[in-house]
């Protein structure tokens, strides 16, 4: 079982670590840049498998990941960064006082 596809190959017939038929994905990615097409195809296949695992559709997992989870995670990271910046500012003021 191959875990990493050769990115220089024009052939997408690699054995993947999960059940997905590459013939089903014949027209998924077609940018002409092999490594981008390979990564995109693998990402789509991983999302399909995750959707199957959770018992939801591919479209639903896309919504959950890219419109709910990712934005919430980004907002949380921004809030954490602001909190750390404020703590750092307070500590600098204490040291300089």
N, C-alpha and C. Protein backbone atom coordinates (compact mmCIF):
# COMPACT_ATOMS: atom_id res chain seq x y z
N UNK A 1 0.85 -1.18 0.00
CA UNK A 1 0.00 0.00 0.00
C UNK A 1 0.90 1.25 0.00
N UNK A 2 0.74 2.08 -0.97
CA UNK A 2 1.54 3.28 -1.10
C UNK A 2 0.86 4.42 -0.35
N UNK A 3 1.57 5.08 0.53
CA UNK A 3 0.99 6.19 1.28
C UNK A 3 1.24 7.53 0.63
N UNK A 4 2.29 7.61 -0.17
CA UNK A 4 2.61 8.87 -0.84
C UNK A 4 2.76 8.59 -2.32
N UNK A 5 1.96 9.30 -3.12
CA UNK A 5 2.04 9.11 -4.57
C UNK A 5 3.28 9.81 -5.10
N UNK A 6 3.91 9.25 -6.11
CA UNK A 6 5.01 9.96 -6.74
C UNK A 6 4.47 11.23 -7.41
N UNK A 7 4.91 12.39 -6.93
CA UNK A 7 4.35 13.65 -7.38
C UNK A 7 4.81 14.03 -8.78
N UNK A 8 5.83 13.38 -9.27
CA UNK A 8 6.33 13.70 -10.60
C UNK A 8 5.65 12.88 -11.68
N UNK A 9 4.84 11.91 -11.29
CA UNK A 9 4.23 11.01 -12.25
C UNK A 9 2.97 11.61 -12.86
N UNK A 10 2.77 11.40 -14.14
CA UNK A 10 1.54 11.82 -14.80
C UNK A 10 0.44 10.79 -14.60
N UNK A 11 0.78 9.65 -14.06
CA UNK A 11 -0.17 8.56 -13.87
C UNK A 11 -0.76 8.64 -12.46
N UNK A 12 -2.09 8.72 -12.37
CA UNK A 12 -2.73 8.78 -11.07
C UNK A 12 -3.16 7.41 -10.56
N UNK A 13 -2.64 6.34 -11.15
CA UNK A 13 -3.05 5.01 -10.74
C UNK A 13 -2.16 4.51 -9.61
N UNK A 14 -2.30 5.10 -8.44
CA UNK A 14 -1.56 4.67 -7.27
C UNK A 14 -2.53 4.02 -6.30
N UNK A 15 -2.00 3.15 -5.46
CA UNK A 15 -2.83 2.50 -4.46
C UNK A 15 -2.91 3.43 -3.26
N UNK A 16 -4.10 3.71 -2.81
CA UNK A 16 -4.31 4.67 -1.75
C UNK A 16 -4.56 3.98 -0.41
N UNK A 17 -4.33 4.70 0.70
CA UNK A 17 -4.49 4.08 2.02
C UNK A 17 -5.94 3.95 2.45
N UNK A 18 -6.89 4.29 1.58
CA UNK A 18 -8.30 4.11 1.90
C UNK A 18 -9.02 3.68 0.63
N UNK A 19 -10.24 3.22 0.77
CA UNK A 19 -10.99 2.66 -0.36
C UNK A 19 -11.57 3.77 -1.22
N UNK A 20 -11.00 3.94 -2.38
CA UNK A 20 -11.52 4.92 -3.33
C UNK A 20 -11.02 4.52 -4.69
N UNK A 21 -11.92 4.46 -5.63
CA UNK A 21 -11.56 4.06 -6.98
C UNK A 21 -11.15 5.30 -7.78
N UNK A 22 -9.93 5.31 -8.26
CA UNK A 22 -9.44 6.48 -9.00
C UNK A 22 -10.21 6.68 -10.31
N UNK A 23 -10.82 5.62 -10.82
CA UNK A 23 -11.62 5.78 -12.03
C UNK A 23 -12.83 6.67 -11.77
N UNK A 24 -13.34 6.65 -10.53
CA UNK A 24 -14.46 7.52 -10.16
C UNK A 24 -14.03 8.98 -10.14
N UNK A 25 -12.76 9.21 -9.96
CA UNK A 25 -12.25 10.56 -9.79
C UNK A 25 -11.52 11.05 -11.04
N UNK A 26 -11.86 10.50 -12.18
CA UNK A 26 -11.13 10.81 -13.40
C UNK A 26 -11.11 12.29 -13.73
N UNK A 27 -12.17 13.01 -13.42
CA UNK A 27 -12.20 14.43 -13.74
C UNK A 27 -12.24 15.32 -12.50
N UNK A 28 -11.67 14.87 -11.39
CA UNK A 28 -11.66 15.69 -10.18
C UNK A 28 -10.75 16.89 -10.37
N UNK A 29 -9.48 16.66 -10.43
CA UNK A 29 -8.53 17.76 -10.59
C UNK A 29 -7.91 17.65 -11.97
N UNK A 30 -7.82 18.75 -12.65
CA UNK A 30 -7.26 18.73 -13.99
C UNK A 30 -6.57 20.05 -14.29
N UNK A 31 -5.68 20.46 -13.37
CA UNK A 31 -5.00 21.73 -13.56
C UNK A 31 -3.82 21.60 -14.52
N UNK A 32 -3.36 20.37 -14.72
CA UNK A 32 -2.19 20.15 -15.54
C UNK A 32 -0.90 20.14 -14.73
N UNK A 33 -0.99 20.49 -13.46
CA UNK A 33 0.17 20.45 -12.56
C UNK A 33 -0.01 19.21 -11.69
N UNK A 34 0.81 18.21 -11.93
CA UNK A 34 0.61 16.89 -11.35
C UNK A 34 0.56 16.91 -9.84
N UNK A 35 1.50 17.58 -9.21
CA UNK A 35 1.53 17.53 -7.75
C UNK A 35 0.31 18.21 -7.15
N UNK A 36 -0.19 19.27 -7.76
CA UNK A 36 -1.40 19.94 -7.26
C UNK A 36 -2.60 19.03 -7.47
N UNK A 37 -2.70 18.41 -8.64
CA UNK A 37 -3.80 17.49 -8.91
C UNK A 37 -3.79 16.32 -7.94
N UNK A 38 -2.62 15.79 -7.64
CA UNK A 38 -2.50 14.66 -6.72
C UNK A 38 -2.95 15.04 -5.33
N UNK A 39 -2.47 16.17 -4.82
CA UNK A 39 -2.86 16.60 -3.48
C UNK A 39 -4.35 16.89 -3.42
N UNK A 40 -4.88 17.55 -4.43
CA UNK A 40 -6.32 17.84 -4.47
C UNK A 40 -7.13 16.55 -4.48
N UNK A 41 -6.74 15.60 -5.33
CA UNK A 41 -7.46 14.33 -5.41
C UNK A 41 -7.44 13.60 -4.07
N UNK A 42 -6.28 13.58 -3.41
CA UNK A 42 -6.18 12.92 -2.12
C UNK A 42 -7.05 13.63 -1.08
N UNK A 43 -7.08 14.96 -1.11
CA UNK A 43 -7.91 15.70 -0.16
C UNK A 43 -9.39 15.39 -0.37
N UNK A 44 -9.81 15.34 -1.62
CA UNK A 44 -11.21 15.01 -1.91
C UNK A 44 -11.51 13.58 -1.46
N UNK A 45 -10.62 12.66 -1.74
CA UNK A 45 -10.84 11.28 -1.33
C UNK A 45 -10.89 11.14 0.19
N UNK A 46 -10.03 11.88 0.88
CA UNK A 46 -10.05 11.84 2.35
C UNK A 46 -11.37 12.40 2.88
N UNK A 47 -11.87 13.47 2.27
CA UNK A 47 -13.15 14.03 2.69
C UNK A 47 -14.30 13.06 2.41
N UNK A 48 -14.23 12.36 1.28
CA UNK A 48 -15.25 11.36 0.97
C UNK A 48 -15.25 10.26 2.03
N UNK A 49 -14.07 9.78 2.40
CA UNK A 49 -13.97 8.73 3.41
C UNK A 49 -14.42 9.24 4.78
N UNK A 50 -14.06 10.47 5.14
CA UNK A 50 -14.53 11.03 6.41
C UNK A 50 -16.04 11.18 6.43
N UNK A 51 -16.60 11.59 5.32
CA UNK A 51 -18.06 11.72 5.21
C UNK A 51 -18.72 10.35 5.41
N UNK A 52 -18.16 9.33 4.78
CA UNK A 52 -18.70 7.98 4.96
C UNK A 52 -18.61 7.56 6.43
N UNK A 53 -17.48 7.84 7.06
CA UNK A 53 -17.26 7.47 8.46
C UNK A 53 -18.30 8.12 9.36
N UNK A 54 -18.59 9.40 9.14
CA UNK A 54 -19.55 10.12 9.97
C UNK A 54 -20.99 9.95 9.50
N UNK A 55 -21.19 9.29 8.39
CA UNK A 55 -22.53 9.04 7.88
C UNK A 55 -23.20 10.29 7.31
N UNK A 56 -22.39 11.15 6.72
CA UNK A 56 -22.92 12.37 6.10
C UNK A 56 -22.42 12.43 4.66
N UNK A 57 -22.88 13.42 3.92
CA UNK A 57 -22.46 13.53 2.53
C UNK A 57 -21.17 14.33 2.42
N UNK A 58 -20.56 14.25 1.25
CA UNK A 58 -19.35 15.03 0.96
C UNK A 58 -19.62 16.53 1.09
N UNK A 59 -20.78 16.95 0.61
CA UNK A 59 -21.13 18.38 0.68
C UNK A 59 -21.29 18.82 2.13
N UNK A 60 -21.89 17.98 2.96
CA UNK A 60 -22.08 18.33 4.38
C UNK A 60 -20.75 18.45 5.10
N UNK A 61 -19.83 17.52 4.83
CA UNK A 61 -18.53 17.62 5.51
C UNK A 61 -17.77 18.85 5.05
N UNK A 62 -17.93 19.24 3.79
CA UNK A 62 -17.32 20.48 3.32
C UNK A 62 -17.87 21.68 4.08
N UNK A 63 -19.18 21.72 4.27
CA UNK A 63 -19.79 22.83 5.01
C UNK A 63 -19.28 22.85 6.45
N UNK A 64 -19.30 21.68 7.10
CA UNK A 64 -18.83 21.63 8.48
C UNK A 64 -17.37 22.06 8.62
N UNK A 65 -16.53 21.61 7.73
CA UNK A 65 -15.10 21.94 7.84
C UNK A 65 -14.79 23.37 7.44
N UNK A 66 -15.26 23.79 6.28
CA UNK A 66 -14.79 25.05 5.71
C UNK A 66 -15.67 26.25 6.04
N UNK A 67 -16.89 26.02 6.52
CA UNK A 67 -17.75 27.15 6.85
C UNK A 67 -18.10 27.22 8.33
N UNK A 68 -17.79 26.16 9.08
CA UNK A 68 -18.08 26.18 10.52
C UNK A 68 -16.80 25.98 11.33
N UNK A 69 -16.16 24.82 11.19
CA UNK A 69 -15.01 24.49 12.02
C UNK A 69 -13.81 25.41 11.77
N UNK A 70 -13.42 25.58 10.52
CA UNK A 70 -12.25 26.40 10.21
C UNK A 70 -12.44 27.85 10.65
N UNK A 71 -13.57 28.51 10.33
CA UNK A 71 -13.73 29.89 10.82
C UNK A 71 -13.73 29.98 12.34
N UNK A 72 -14.38 29.03 13.03
CA UNK A 72 -14.37 29.05 14.49
C UNK A 72 -12.95 28.88 15.03
N UNK A 73 -12.21 27.99 14.43
CA UNK A 73 -10.82 27.76 14.83
C UNK A 73 -9.99 29.02 14.60
N UNK A 74 -10.20 29.69 13.47
CA UNK A 74 -9.47 30.92 13.16
C UNK A 74 -9.79 32.02 14.16
N UNK A 75 -11.07 32.19 14.50
CA UNK A 75 -11.47 33.19 15.48
C UNK A 75 -10.85 32.87 16.85
N UNK A 76 -10.86 31.59 17.22
CA UNK A 76 -10.26 31.19 18.49
C UNK A 76 -8.76 31.49 18.51
N UNK A 77 -8.07 31.22 17.42
CA UNK A 77 -6.63 31.51 17.36
C UNK A 77 -6.36 33.01 17.43
N UNK A 78 -7.19 33.82 16.77
CA UNK A 78 -7.03 35.27 16.84
C UNK A 78 -7.26 35.76 18.26
N UNK A 79 -8.31 35.26 18.92
CA UNK A 79 -8.58 35.64 20.31
C UNK A 79 -7.43 35.25 21.22
N UNK A 80 -6.87 34.08 20.99
CA UNK A 80 -5.74 33.63 21.80
C UNK A 80 -4.52 34.52 21.56
N UNK A 81 -4.26 34.86 20.31
CA UNK A 81 -3.12 35.73 19.98
C UNK A 81 -3.29 37.10 20.63
N UNK A 82 -4.50 37.65 20.60
CA UNK A 82 -4.75 38.95 21.23
C UNK A 82 -4.54 38.84 22.74
N UNK A 83 -5.02 37.75 23.33
CA UNK A 83 -4.84 37.54 24.76
C UNK A 83 -3.36 37.46 25.12
N UNK A 84 -2.59 36.72 24.35
CA UNK A 84 -1.15 36.61 24.60
C UNK A 84 -0.45 37.96 24.40
N UNK A 85 -0.88 38.72 23.40
CA UNK A 85 -0.29 40.04 23.16
C UNK A 85 -0.55 40.95 24.36
N UNK A 86 -1.78 40.92 24.90
CA UNK A 86 -2.10 41.75 26.07
C UNK A 86 -1.29 41.33 27.29
N UNK A 87 -1.17 40.03 27.51
CA UNK A 87 -0.37 39.54 28.63
C UNK A 87 1.08 39.97 28.48
N UNK A 88 1.59 39.89 27.27
CA UNK A 88 2.97 40.29 27.00
C UNK A 88 3.14 41.79 27.28
N UNK A 89 2.17 42.59 26.84
CA UNK A 89 2.23 44.04 27.09
C UNK A 89 2.24 44.35 28.58
N UNK A 90 1.39 43.66 29.33
CA UNK A 90 1.34 43.87 30.77
C UNK A 90 2.66 43.49 31.44
N UNK A 91 3.22 42.37 31.03
CA UNK A 91 4.51 41.94 31.60
C UNK A 91 5.63 42.93 31.25
N UNK A 92 5.62 43.45 30.04
CA UNK A 92 6.65 44.43 29.66
C UNK A 92 6.52 45.70 30.49
N UNK A 93 5.26 46.13 30.74
CA UNK A 93 5.06 47.31 31.57
C UNK A 93 5.55 47.07 32.99
N UNK A 94 5.32 45.88 33.53
CA UNK A 94 5.78 45.55 34.88
C UNK A 94 7.29 45.53 34.95
N UNK A 95 7.93 45.00 33.93
CA UNK A 95 9.40 44.90 33.92
C UNK A 95 10.00 46.30 33.79
N UNK A 96 9.41 47.15 32.95
CA UNK A 96 9.94 48.48 32.71
C UNK A 96 9.59 49.47 33.80
N UNK A 97 8.67 49.13 34.70
CA UNK A 97 8.25 50.07 35.75
C UNK A 97 9.25 50.11 36.88
